Amino acid sequence: DRDLVKGYAATLAAADRLTGVPLKKVKRRQADVLKKLTPKQKKA
């Protein structure tokens, strides 16, 4: 659970800095992680 929360935070950080194809890949990964998170984990 903690790893998922950290993974989601890392995708937010990466998306904040990337553009183009790398950003698209991060957004796909972020969508995968979001499906597994509870609202509380998303907020964390």
PDB file of all heavy atoms in Angstrom:
ATOM      1  N   ASP A   1       0.832  -1.204   0.000  1.00  0.00           N
ATOM      2  CA  ASP A   1       0.000   0.000   0.000  1.00  0.00           C
ATOM      3  C   ASP A   1       0.866   1.254   0.000  1.00  0.00           C
ATOM      4  O   ASP A   1       0.610   2.205  -0.739  1.00  0.00           O
ATOM      5  CB  ASP A   1      -0.924   0.021   1.223  1.00  0.00           C
ATOM      6  CG  ASP A   1      -2.017  -1.026   1.150  1.00  0.00           C
ATOM      7  OD1 ASP A   1      -2.236  -1.602   0.057  1.00  0.00           O
ATOM      8  OD2 ASP A   1      -2.658  -1.275   2.190  1.00  0.00           O
ATOM      9  N   ARG A   2       1.910   1.242   0.831  1.00  0.00           N
ATOM     10  CA  ARG A   2       2.820   2.390   0.914  1.00  0.00           C
ATOM     11  C   ARG A   2       3.548   2.581  -0.427  1.00  0.00           C
ATOM     12  O   ARG A   2       3.731   3.706  -0.891  1.00  0.00           O
ATOM     13  CB  ARG A   2       3.807   2.166   2.057  1.00  0.00           C
ATOM     14  CG  ARG A   2       4.581   3.375   2.473  1.00  0.00           C
ATOM     15  CD  ARG A   2       5.364   3.183   3.767  1.00  0.00           C
ATOM     16  NE  ARG A   2       6.188   1.983   3.775  1.00  0.00           N
ATOM     17  CZ  ARG A   2       5.999   0.944   4.586  1.00  0.00           C
ATOM     18  NH1 ARG A   2       5.021   0.944   5.432  1.00  0.00           N
ATOM     19  NH2 ARG A   2       6.796  -0.105   4.532  1.00  0.00           N
ATOM     20  N   ASP A   3       3.950   1.468  -1.047  1.00  0.00           N
ATOM     21  CA  ASP A   3       4.628   1.552  -2.339  1.00  0.00           C
ATOM     22  C   ASP A   3       3.705   2.139  -3.410  1.00  0.00           C
ATOM     23  O   ASP A   3       4.153   2.915  -4.252  1.00  0.00           O
ATOM     24  CB  ASP A   3       5.131   0.181  -2.781  1.00  0.00           C
ATOM     25  CG  ASP A   3       6.328  -0.300  -1.960  1.00  0.00           C
ATOM     26  OD1 ASP A   3       6.912   0.504  -1.204  1.00  0.00           O
ATOM     27  OD2 ASP A   3       6.670  -1.491  -2.075  1.00  0.00           O
ATOM     28  N   LEU A   4       2.423   1.771  -3.382  1.00  0.00           N
ATOM     29  CA  LEU A   4       1.465   2.338  -4.338  1.00  0.00           C
ATOM     30  C   LEU A   4       1.334   3.841  -4.156  1.00  0.00           C
ATOM     31  O   LEU A   4       1.307   4.596  -5.130  1.00  0.00           O
ATOM     32  CB  LEU A   4       0.087   1.693  -4.164  1.00  0.00           C
ATOM     33  CG  LEU A   4      -0.194   0.434  -4.949  1.00  0.00           C
ATOM     34  CD1 LEU A   4      -1.559  -0.138  -4.574  1.00  0.00           C
ATOM     35  CD2 LEU A   4      -0.128   0.687  -6.446  1.00  0.00           C
ATOM     36  N   VAL A   5       1.259   4.275  -2.912  1.00  0.00           N
ATOM     37  CA  VAL A   5       1.134   5.714  -2.621  1.00  0.00           C
ATOM     38  C   VAL A   5       2.375   6.448  -3.121  1.00  0.00           C
ATOM     39  O   VAL A   5       2.275   7.484  -3.782  1.00  0.00           O
ATOM     40  CB  VAL A   5       0.904   5.950  -1.113  1.00  0.00           C
ATOM     41  CG1 VAL A   5       1.033   7.422  -0.761  1.00  0.00           C
ATOM     42  CG2 VAL A   5      -0.465   5.419  -0.695  1.00  0.00           C
ATOM     43  N   LYS A   6       3.549   5.901  -2.831  1.00  0.00           N
ATOM     44  CA  LYS A   6       4.789   6.525  -3.288  1.00  0.00           C
ATOM     45  C   LYS A   6       4.888   6.496  -4.817  1.00  0.00           C
ATOM     46  O   LYS A   6       5.355   7.447  -5.435  1.00  0.00           O
ATOM     47  CB  LYS A   6       6.000   5.838  -2.672  1.00  0.00           C
ATOM     48  CG  LYS A   6       6.194   6.165  -1.210  1.00  0.00           C
ATOM     49  CD  LYS A   6       7.440   5.475  -0.686  1.00  0.00           C
ATOM     50  CE  LYS A   6       7.740   5.864   0.739  1.00  0.00           C
ATOM     51  NZ  LYS A   6       8.975   5.223   1.219  1.00  0.00           N
ATOM     52  N   GLY A   7       4.452   5.397  -5.412  1.00  0.00           N
ATOM     53  CA  GLY A   7       4.459   5.302  -6.873  1.00  0.00           C
ATOM     54  C   GLY A   7       3.567   6.352  -7.502  1.00  0.00           C
ATOM     55  O   GLY A   7       3.930   6.978  -8.501  1.00  0.00           O
ATOM     56  N   TYR A   8       2.398   6.562  -6.910  1.00  0.00           N
ATOM     57  CA  TYR A   8       1.483   7.589  -7.426  1.00  0.00           C
ATOM     58  C   TYR A   8       2.117   8.970  -7.282  1.00  0.00           C
ATOM     59  O   TYR A   8       2.101   9.769  -8.225  1.00  0.00           O
ATOM     60  CB  TYR A   8       0.147   7.524  -6.682  1.00  0.00           C
ATOM     61  CG  TYR A   8      -0.814   8.605  -7.090  1.00  0.00           C
ATOM     62  CD1 TYR A   8      -1.247   8.722  -8.402  1.00  0.00           C
ATOM     63  CD2 TYR A   8      -1.295   9.520  -6.169  1.00  0.00           C
ATOM     64  CE1 TYR A   8      -2.123   9.718  -8.790  1.00  0.00           C
ATOM     65  CE2 TYR A   8      -2.170  10.517  -6.545  1.00  0.00           C
ATOM     66  CZ  TYR A   8      -2.584  10.619  -7.856  1.00  0.00           C
ATOM     67  OH  TYR A   8      -3.449  11.611  -8.237  1.00  0.00           O
ATOM     68  N   ALA A   9       2.722   9.252  -6.126  1.00  0.00           N
ATOM     69  CA  ALA A   9       3.379  10.543  -5.928  1.00  0.00           C
ATOM     70  C   ALA A   9       4.516  10.728  -6.935  1.00  0.00           C
ATOM     71  O   ALA A   9       4.704  11.829  -7.469  1.00  0.00           O
ATOM     72  CB  ALA A   9       3.907  10.646  -4.498  1.00  0.00           C
ATOM     73  N   ALA A  10       5.251   9.656  -7.221  1.00  0.00           N
ATOM     74  CA  ALA A  10       6.344   9.745  -8.199  1.00  0.00           C
ATOM     75  C   ALA A  10       5.804  10.032  -9.599  1.00  0.00           C
ATOM     76  O   ALA A  10       6.415  10.787 -10.355  1.00  0.00           O
ATOM     77  CB  ALA A  10       7.162   8.458  -8.192  1.00  0.00           C
ATOM     78  N   THR A  11       4.645   9.456  -9.943  1.00  0.00           N
ATOM     79  CA  THR A  11       4.076   9.751 -11.269  1.00  0.00           C
ATOM     80  C   THR A  11       3.619  11.200 -11.340  1.00  0.00           C
ATOM     81  O   THR A  11       3.744  11.833 -12.393  1.00  0.00           O
ATOM     82  CB  THR A  11       2.893   8.823 -11.640  1.00  0.00           C
ATOM     83  OG1 THR A  11       1.792   9.043 -10.758  1.00  0.00           O
ATOM     84  CG2 THR A  11       3.302   7.367 -11.659  1.00  0.00           C
ATOM     85  N   LEU A  12       3.116  11.739 -10.237  1.00  0.00           N
ATOM     86  CA  LEU A  12       2.728  13.156 -10.221  1.00  0.00           C
ATOM     87  C   LEU A  12       3.953  14.044 -10.432  1.00  0.00           C
ATOM     88  O   LEU A  12       3.908  15.009 -11.202  1.00  0.00           O
ATOM     89  CB  LEU A  12       2.039  13.517  -8.897  1.00  0.00           C
ATOM     90  CG  LEU A  12       0.669  12.922  -8.653  1.00  0.00           C
ATOM     91  CD1 LEU A  12       0.207  13.213  -7.225  1.00  0.00           C
ATOM     92  CD2 LEU A  12      -0.353  13.441  -9.653  1.00  0.00           C
ATOM     93  N   ALA A  13       5.049  13.693  -9.756  1.00  0.00           N
ATOM     94  CA  ALA A  13       6.279  14.471  -9.893  1.00  0.00           C
ATOM     95  C   ALA A  13       6.833  14.380 -11.313  1.00  0.00           C
ATOM     96  O   ALA A  13       7.258  15.384 -11.891  1.00  0.00           O
ATOM     97  CB  ALA A  13       7.313  13.981  -8.881  1.00  0.00           C
ATOM     98  N   ALA A  14       6.833  13.185 -11.885  1.00  0.00           N
ATOM     99  CA  ALA A  14       7.346  13.006 -13.249  1.00  0.00           C
ATOM    100  C   ALA A  14       6.473  13.753 -14.251  1.00  0.00           C
ATOM    101  O   ALA A  14       6.988  14.412 -15.153  1.00  0.00           O
ATOM    102  CB  ALA A  14       7.417  11.523 -13.589  1.00  0.00           C
ATOM    103  N   ALA A  15       5.170  13.655 -14.096  1.00  0.00           N
ATOM    104  CA  ALA A  15       4.249  14.326 -15.020  1.00  0.00           C
ATOM    105  C   ALA A  15       4.424  15.837 -14.956  1.00  0.00           C
ATOM    106  O   ALA A  15       4.196  16.535 -15.940  1.00  0.00           O
ATOM    107  CB  ALA A  15       2.805  13.940 -14.705  1.00  0.00           C
ATOM    108  N   ASP A  16       4.853  16.325 -13.809  1.00  0.00           N
ATOM    109  CA  ASP A  16       5.065  17.761 -13.623  1.00  0.00           C
ATOM    110  C   ASP A  16       6.281  18.257 -14.405  1.00  0.00           C
ATOM    111  O   ASP A  16       6.382  19.440 -14.702  1.00  0.00           O
ATOM    112  CB  ASP A  16       5.243  18.032 -12.125  1.00  0.00           C
ATOM    113  CG  ASP A  16       5.053  19.475 -11.754  1.00  0.00           C
ATOM    114  OD1 ASP A  16       4.095  20.102 -12.256  1.00  0.00           O
ATOM    115  OD2 ASP A  16       5.857  19.991 -10.951  1.00  0.00           O
ATOM    116  N   ARG A  17       7.204  17.338 -14.748  1.00  0.00           N
ATOM    117  CA  ARG A  17       8.452  17.731 -15.405  1.00  0.00           C
ATOM    118  C   ARG A  17       8.576  17.277 -16.851  1.00  0.00           C
ATOM    119  O   ARG A  17       9.428  17.771 -17.575  1.00  0.00           O
ATOM    120  CB  ARG A  17       9.643  17.161 -14.629  1.00  0.00           C
ATOM    121  CG  ARG A  17       9.834  17.730 -13.258  1.00  0.00           C
ATOM    122  CD  ARG A  17      11.132  17.263 -12.624  1.00  0.00           C
ATOM    123  NE  ARG A  17      11.243  15.820 -12.512  1.00  0.00           N
ATOM    124  CZ  ARG A  17      10.849  15.110 -11.471  1.00  0.00           C
ATOM    125  NH1 ARG A  17      10.302  15.703 -10.450  1.00  0.00           N
ATOM    126  NH2 ARG A  17      11.001  13.804 -11.444  1.00  0.00           N
ATOM    127  N   LEU A  18       7.783  16.312 -17.283  1.00  0.00           N
ATOM    128  CA  LEU A  18       7.974  15.703 -18.600  1.00  0.00           C
ATOM    129  C   LEU A  18       7.037  16.272 -19.657  1.00  0.00           C
ATOM    130  O   LEU A  18       6.027  16.890 -19.338  1.00  0.00           O
ATOM    131  CB  LEU A  18       7.754  14.190 -18.505  1.00  0.00           C
ATOM    132  CG  LEU A  18       8.720  13.426 -17.611  1.00  0.00           C
ATOM    133  CD1 LEU A  18       8.293  11.982 -17.488  1.00  0.00           C
ATOM    134  CD2 LEU A  18      10.138  13.518 -18.155  1.00  0.00           C
ATOM    135  N   THR A  19       7.391  16.004 -20.911  1.00  0.00           N
ATOM    136  CA  THR A  19       6.542  16.364 -22.051  1.00  0.00           C
ATOM    137  C   THR A  19       6.618  15.234 -23.074  1.00  0.00           C
ATOM    138  O   THR A  19       7.423  14.322 -22.956  1.00  0.00           O
ATOM    139  CB  THR A  19       7.027  17.676 -22.729  1.00  0.00           C
ATOM    140  OG1 THR A  19       8.372  17.474 -23.185  1.00  0.00           O
ATOM    141  CG2 THR A  19       6.973  18.857 -21.787  1.00  0.00           C
ATOM    142  N   GLY A  20       5.774  15.294 -24.069  1.00  0.00           N
ATOM    143  CA  GLY A  20       5.833  14.359 -25.186  1.00  0.00           C
ATOM    144  C   GLY A  20       5.576  12.915 -24.815  1.00  0.00           C
ATOM    145  O   GLY A  20       4.765  12.601 -23.962  1.00  0.00           O
ATOM    146  N   VAL A  21       6.296  12.014 -25.487  1.00  0.00           N
ATOM    147  CA  VAL A  21       6.118  10.573 -25.302  1.00  0.00           C
ATOM    148  C   VAL A  21       6.374  10.144 -23.855  1.00  0.00           C
ATOM    149  O   VAL A  21       5.579   9.376 -23.297  1.00  0.00           O
ATOM    150  CB  VAL A  21       7.011   9.769 -26.289  1.00  0.00           C
ATOM    151  CG1 VAL A  21       6.969   8.286 -25.982  1.00  0.00           C
ATOM    152  CG2 VAL A  21       6.563  10.031 -27.720  1.00  0.00           C
ATOM    153  N   PRO A  22       7.449  10.617 -23.213  1.00  0.00           N
ATOM    154  CA  PRO A  22       7.640  10.212 -21.816  1.00  0.00           C
ATOM    155  C   PRO A  22       6.448  10.597 -20.923  1.00  0.00           C
ATOM    156  O   PRO A  22       6.050   9.820 -20.058  1.00  0.00           O
ATOM    157  CB  PRO A  22       8.903  10.954 -21.388  1.00  0.00           C
ATOM    158  CG  PRO A  22       9.650  11.186 -22.658  1.00  0.00           C
ATOM    159  CD  PRO A  22       8.578  11.411 -23.693  1.00  0.00           C
ATOM    160  N   LEU A  23       5.865  11.753 -21.159  1.00  0.00           N
ATOM    161  CA  LEU A  23       4.704  12.182 -20.380  1.00  0.00           C
ATOM    162  C   LEU A  23       3.528  11.240 -20.618  1.00  0.00           C
ATOM    163  O   LEU A  23       2.834  10.855 -19.676  1.00  0.00           O
ATOM    164  CB  LEU A  23       4.310  13.617 -20.712  1.00  0.00           C
ATOM    165  CG  LEU A  23       3.044  14.133 -20.013  1.00  0.00           C
ATOM    166  CD1 LEU A  23       3.201  14.101 -18.502  1.00  0.00           C
ATOM    167  CD2 LEU A  23       2.716  15.540 -20.489  1.00  0.00           C
ATOM    168  N   LYS A  24       3.328  10.835 -21.855  1.00  0.00           N
ATOM    169  CA  LYS A  24       2.231   9.909 -22.170  1.00  0.00           C
ATOM    170  C   LYS A  24       2.417   8.582 -21.435  1.00  0.00           C
ATOM    171  O   LYS A  24       1.463   8.003 -20.923  1.00  0.00           O
ATOM    172  CB  LYS A  24       2.132   9.677 -23.678  1.00  0.00           C
ATOM    173  CG  LYS A  24       1.604  10.878 -24.433  1.00  0.00           C
ATOM    174  CD  LYS A  24       1.566  10.624 -25.923  1.00  0.00           C
ATOM    175  CE  LYS A  24       1.127  11.881 -26.654  1.00  0.00           C
ATOM    176  NZ  LYS A  24       1.157  11.717 -28.088  1.00  0.00           N
ATOM    177  N   LYS A  25       3.661   8.098 -21.380  1.00  0.00           N
ATOM    178  CA  LYS A  25       3.942   6.841 -20.679  1.00  0.00           C
ATOM    179  C   LYS A  25       3.668   6.986 -19.188  1.00  0.00           C
ATOM    180  O   LYS A  25       3.087   6.096 -18.564  1.00  0.00           O
ATOM    181  CB  LYS A  25       5.388   6.413 -20.910  1.00  0.00           C
ATOM    182  CG  LYS A  25       5.642   5.928 -22.317  1.00  0.00           C
ATOM    183  CD  LYS A  25       7.072   5.511 -22.494  1.00  0.00           C
ATOM    184  CE  LYS A  25       7.318   5.012 -23.904  1.00  0.00           C
ATOM    185  NZ  LYS A  25       8.690   4.565 -24.113  1.00  0.00           N
ATOM    186  N   VAL A  26       4.077   8.105 -18.614  1.00  0.00           N
ATOM    187  CA  VAL A  26       3.837   8.350 -17.191  1.00  0.00           C
ATOM    188  C   VAL A  26       2.341   8.435 -16.917  1.00  0.00           C
ATOM    189  O   VAL A  26       1.848   7.886 -15.929  1.00  0.00           O
ATOM    190  CB  VAL A  26       4.564   9.626 -16.714  1.00  0.00           C
ATOM    191  CG1 VAL A  26       4.054  10.086 -15.356  1.00  0.00           C
ATOM    192  CG2 VAL A  26       6.061   9.395 -16.660  1.00  0.00           C
ATOM    193  N   LYS A  27       1.611   9.109 -17.789  1.00  0.00           N
ATOM    194  CA  LYS A  27       0.154   9.244 -17.610  1.00  0.00           C
ATOM    195  C   LYS A  27      -0.527   7.869 -17.662  1.00  0.00           C
ATOM    196  O   LYS A  27      -1.471   7.615 -16.910  1.00  0.00           O
ATOM    197  CB  LYS A  27      -0.441  10.181 -18.665  1.00  0.00           C
ATOM    198  CG  LYS A  27      -0.065  11.631 -18.491  1.00  0.00           C
ATOM    199  CD  LYS A  27      -0.752  12.200 -17.285  1.00  0.00           C
ATOM    200  CE  LYS A  27      -0.575  13.699 -17.235  1.00  0.00           C
ATOM    201  NZ  LYS A  27      -1.274  14.292 -16.107  1.00  0.00           N
ATOM    202  N   ARG A  28      -0.060   6.980 -18.537  1.00  0.00           N
ATOM    203  CA  ARG A  28      -0.631   5.622 -18.590  1.00  0.00           C
ATOM    204  C   ARG A  28      -0.347   4.874 -17.298  1.00  0.00           C
ATOM    205  O   ARG A  28      -1.218   4.208 -16.743  1.00  0.00           O
ATOM    206  CB  ARG A  28      -0.073   4.851 -19.787  1.00  0.00           C
ATOM    207  CG  ARG A  28      -0.740   5.198 -21.102  1.00  0.00           C
ATOM    208  CD  ARG A  28      -0.458   4.165 -22.181  1.00  0.00           C
ATOM    209  NE  ARG A  28       0.955   3.936 -22.439  1.00  0.00           N
ATOM    210  CZ  ARG A  28       1.682   4.574 -23.346  1.00  0.00           C
ATOM    211  NH1 ARG A  28       1.113   5.483 -24.113  1.00  0.00           N
ATOM    212  NH2 ARG A  28       2.943   4.289 -23.521  1.00  0.00           N
ATOM    213  N   ARG A  29       0.874   4.984 -16.821  1.00  0.00           N
ATOM    214  CA  ARG A  29       1.236   4.325 -15.555  1.00  0.00           C
ATOM    215  C   ARG A  29       0.424   4.914 -14.405  1.00  0.00           C
ATOM    216  O   ARG A  29      -0.054   4.193 -13.537  1.00  0.00           O
ATOM    217  CB  ARG A  29       2.741   4.487 -15.306  1.00  0.00           C
ATOM    218  CG  ARG A  29       3.195   3.856 -14.024  1.00  0.00           C
ATOM    219  CD  ARG A  29       3.041   2.342 -14.079  1.00  0.00           C
ATOM    220  NE  ARG A  29       3.401   1.778 -12.799  1.00  0.00           N
ATOM    221  CZ  ARG A  29       2.697   0.855 -12.177  1.00  0.00           C
ATOM    222  NH1 ARG A  29       1.618   0.359 -12.716  1.00  0.00           N
ATOM    223  NH2 ARG A  29       3.078   0.401 -11.026  1.00  0.00           N
ATOM    224  N   GLN A  30       0.264   6.220 -14.430  1.00  0.00           N
ATOM    225  CA  GLN A  30      -0.514   6.894 -13.392  1.00  0.00           C
ATOM    226  C   GLN A  30      -1.961   6.387 -13.385  1.00  0.00           C
ATOM    227  O   GLN A  30      -2.530   6.121 -12.326  1.00  0.00           O
ATOM    228  CB  GLN A  30      -0.481   8.400 -13.635  1.00  0.00           C
ATOM    229  CG  GLN A  30      -1.040   9.240 -12.526  1.00  0.00           C
ATOM    230  CD  GLN A  30      -0.884  10.696 -12.860  1.00  0.00           C
ATOM    231  OE1 GLN A  30      -1.608  11.207 -13.713  1.00  0.00           O
ATOM    232  NE2 GLN A  30       0.047  11.371 -12.207  1.00  0.00           N
ATOM    233  N   ALA A  31      -2.530   6.196 -14.551  1.00  0.00           N
ATOM    234  CA  ALA A  31      -3.899   5.686 -14.654  1.00  0.00           C
ATOM    235  C   ALA A  31      -3.990   4.270 -14.083  1.00  0.00           C
ATOM    236  O   ALA A  31      -4.957   3.934 -13.382  1.00  0.00           O
ATOM    237  CB  ALA A  31      -4.368   5.710 -16.103  1.00  0.00           C
ATOM    238  N   ASP A  32      -2.970   3.440 -14.346  1.00  0.00           N
ATOM    239  CA  ASP A  32      -2.939   2.080 -13.794  1.00  0.00           C
ATOM    240  C   ASP A  32      -2.893   2.110 -12.266  1.00  0.00           C
ATOM    241  O   ASP A  32      -3.597   1.354 -11.598  1.00  0.00           O
ATOM    242  CB  ASP A  32      -1.725   1.303 -14.307  1.00  0.00           C
ATOM    243  CG  ASP A  32      -1.796   0.988 -15.791  1.00  0.00           C
ATOM    244  OD1 ASP A  32      -2.915   1.046 -16.350  1.00  0.00           O
ATOM    245  OD2 ASP A  32      -0.748   0.695 -16.382  1.00  0.00           O
ATOM    246  N   VAL A  33      -2.063   2.976 -11.725  1.00  0.00           N
ATOM    247  CA  VAL A  33      -1.914   3.072 -10.274  1.00  0.00           C
ATOM    248  C   VAL A  33      -3.206   3.606  -9.645  1.00  0.00           C
ATOM    249  O   VAL A  33      -3.652   3.104  -8.615  1.00  0.00           O
ATOM    250  CB  VAL A  33      -0.706   3.964  -9.896  1.00  0.00           C
ATOM    251  CG1 VAL A  33      -0.665   4.232  -8.406  1.00  0.00           C
ATOM    252  CG2 VAL A  33       0.599   3.319 -10.344  1.00  0.00           C
ATOM    253  N   LEU A  34      -3.810   4.588 -10.281  1.00  0.00           N
ATOM    254  CA  LEU A  34      -5.045   5.184  -9.743  1.00  0.00           C
ATOM    255  C   LEU A  34      -6.162   4.157  -9.579  1.00  0.00           C
ATOM    256  O   LEU A  34      -6.956   4.247  -8.642  1.00  0.00           O
ATOM    257  CB  LEU A  34      -5.519   6.331 -10.633  1.00  0.00           C
ATOM    258  CG  LEU A  34      -4.916   7.691 -10.322  1.00  0.00           C
ATOM    259  CD1 LEU A  34      -5.290   8.695 -11.410  1.00  0.00           C
ATOM    260  CD2 LEU A  34      -5.345   8.188  -8.964  1.00  0.00           C
ATOM    261  N   LYS A  35      -6.211   3.189 -10.465  1.00  0.00           N
ATOM    262  CA  LYS A  35      -7.242   2.148 -10.376  1.00  0.00           C
ATOM    263  C   LYS A  35      -7.104   1.326  -9.101  1.00  0.00           C
ATOM    264  O   LYS A  35      -8.083   0.764  -8.619  1.00  0.00           O
ATOM    265  CB  LYS A  35      -7.162   1.212 -11.591  1.00  0.00           C
ATOM    266  CG  LYS A  35      -7.545   1.856 -12.887  1.00  0.00           C
ATOM    267  CD  LYS A  35      -7.310   0.896 -14.050  1.00  0.00           C
ATOM    268  CE  LYS A  35      -7.440   1.605 -15.371  1.00  0.00           C
ATOM    269  NZ  LYS A  35      -7.065   0.736 -16.496  1.00  0.00           N
ATOM    270  N   LYS A  36      -5.893   1.251  -8.565  1.00  0.00           N
ATOM    271  CA  LYS A  36      -5.624   0.427  -7.389  1.00  0.00           C
ATOM    272  C   LYS A  36      -5.717   1.201  -6.075  1.00  0.00           C
ATOM    273  O   LYS A  36      -5.719   0.603  -5.010  1.00  0.00           O
ATOM    274  CB  LYS A  36      -4.226  -0.186  -7.501  1.00  0.00           C
ATOM    275  CG  LYS A  36      -4.056  -1.083  -8.708  1.00  0.00           C
ATOM    276  CD  LYS A  36      -2.628  -1.553  -8.837  1.00  0.00           C
ATOM    277  CE  LYS A  36      -2.449  -2.364 -10.109  1.00  0.00           C
ATOM    278  NZ  LYS A  36      -1.063  -2.786 -10.308  1.00  0.00           N
ATOM    279  N   LEU A  37      -5.759   2.531  -6.153  1.00  0.00           N
ATOM    280  CA  LEU A  37      -5.737   3.361  -4.954  1.00  0.00           C
ATOM    281  C   LEU A  37      -7.128   3.614  -4.389  1.00  0.00           C
ATOM    282  O   LEU A  37      -8.082   3.803  -5.140  1.00  0.00           O
ATOM    283  CB  LEU A  37      -5.104   4.724  -5.255  1.00  0.00           C
ATOM    284  CG  LEU A  37      -3.624   4.767  -5.585  1.00  0.00           C
ATOM    285  CD1 LEU A  37      -3.228   6.192  -5.952  1.00  0.00           C
ATOM    286  CD2 LEU A  37      -2.780   4.281  -4.437  1.00  0.00           C
ATOM    287  N   THR A  38      -7.196   3.660  -3.071  1.00  0.00           N
ATOM    288  CA  THR A  38      -8.412   4.125  -2.412  1.00  0.00           C
ATOM    289  C   THR A  38      -8.365   5.663  -2.408  1.00  0.00           C
ATOM    290  O   THR A  38      -7.281   6.248  -2.621  1.00  0.00           O
ATOM    291  CB  THR A  38      -8.467   3.627  -0.955  1.00  0.00           C
ATOM    292  OG1 THR A  38      -7.390   4.234  -0.224  1.00  0.00           O
ATOM    293  CG2 THR A  38      -8.388   2.107  -0.871  1.00  0.00           C
ATOM    294  N   PRO A  39      -9.484   6.323  -2.179  1.00  0.00           N
ATOM    295  CA  PRO A  39      -9.445   7.790  -2.093  1.00  0.00           C
ATOM    296  C   PRO A  39      -8.452   8.292  -1.036  1.00  0.00           C
ATOM    297  O   PRO A  39      -7.756   9.292  -1.250  1.00  0.00           O
ATOM    298  CB  PRO A  39     -10.883   8.170  -1.737  1.00  0.00           C
ATOM    299  CG  PRO A  39     -11.704   7.058  -2.314  1.00  0.00           C
ATOM    300  CD  PRO A  39     -10.858   5.813  -2.127  1.00  0.00           C
ATOM    301  N   LYS A  40      -8.362   7.578   0.074  1.00  0.00           N
ATOM    302  CA  LYS A  40      -7.429   7.960   1.144  1.00  0.00           C
ATOM    303  C   LYS A  40      -5.977   7.843   0.667  1.00  0.00           C
ATOM    304  O   LYS A  40      -5.154   8.720   0.937  1.00  0.00           O
ATOM    305  CB  LYS A  40      -7.661   7.072   2.366  1.00  0.00           C
ATOM    306  CG  LYS A  40      -6.856   7.449   3.575  1.00  0.00           C
ATOM    307  CD  LYS A  40      -7.213   6.556   4.752  1.00  0.00           C
ATOM    308  CE  LYS A  40      -6.365   6.895   5.966  1.00  0.00           C
ATOM    309  NZ  LYS A  40      -6.684   6.045   7.101  1.00  0.00           N
ATOM    310  N   GLN A  41      -5.669   6.779  -0.060  1.00  0.00           N
ATOM    311  CA  GLN A  41      -4.317   6.595  -0.581  1.00  0.00           C
ATOM    312  C   GLN A  41      -3.994   7.656  -1.633  1.00  0.00           C
ATOM    313  O   GLN A  41      -2.875   8.165  -1.684  1.00  0.00           O
ATOM    314  CB  GLN A  41      -4.158   5.204  -1.189  1.00  0.00           C
ATOM    315  CG  GLN A  41      -4.142   4.089  -0.176  1.00  0.00           C
ATOM    316  CD  GLN A  41      -4.196   2.729  -0.839  1.00  0.00           C
ATOM    317  OE1 GLN A  41      -4.933   2.520  -1.800  1.00  0.00           O
ATOM    318  NE2 GLN A  41      -3.416   1.792  -0.318  1.00  0.00           N
ATOM    319  N   LYS A  42      -4.977   7.982  -2.462  1.00  0.00           N
ATOM    320  CA  LYS A  42      -4.774   9.017  -3.483  1.00  0.00           C
ATOM    321  C   LYS A  42      -4.433  10.341  -2.807  1.00  0.00           C
ATOM    322  O   LYS A  42      -3.505  11.035  -3.216  1.00  0.00           O
ATOM    323  CB  LYS A  42      -6.019   9.169  -4.353  1.00  0.00           C
ATOM    324  CG  LYS A  42      -5.850  10.195  -5.439  1.00  0.00           C
ATOM    325  CD  LYS A  42      -7.101  10.347  -6.279  1.00  0.00           C
ATOM    326  CE  LYS A  42      -6.882  11.446  -7.296  1.00  0.00           C
ATOM    327  NZ  LYS A  42      -8.096  12.010  -7.795  1.00  0.00           N
ATOM    328  N   LYS A  43      -5.160  10.672  -1.766  1.00  0.00           N
ATOM    329  CA  LYS A  43      -4.906  11.918  -1.036  1.00  0.00           C
ATOM    330  C   LYS A  43      -3.513  11.896  -0.404  1.00  0.00           C
ATOM    331  O   LYS A  43      -2.798  12.902  -0.421  1.00  0.00           O
ATOM    332  CB  LYS A  43      -5.976  12.111   0.036  1.00  0.00           C
ATOM    333  CG  LYS A  43      -5.925  13.445   0.715  1.00  0.00           C
ATOM    334  CD  LYS A  43      -7.117  13.618   1.642  1.00  0.00           C
ATOM    335  CE  LYS A  43      -7.916  14.768   1.111  1.00  0.00           C
ATOM    336  NZ  LYS A  43      -9.101  15.063   1.834  1.00  0.00           N
ATOM    337  N   ALA A  44      -3.110  10.738   0.134  1.00  0.00           N
ATOM    338  CA  ALA A  44      -1.776  10.604   0.736  1.00  0.00           C
ATOM    339  C   ALA A  44      -0.690  10.802  -0.325  1.00  0.00           C
ATOM    340  O   ALA A  44       0.339  11.442  -0.065  1.00  0.00           O
ATOM    341  CB  ALA A  44      -1.627   9.250   1.411  1.00  0.00           C
TER     342      ALA A  44
END
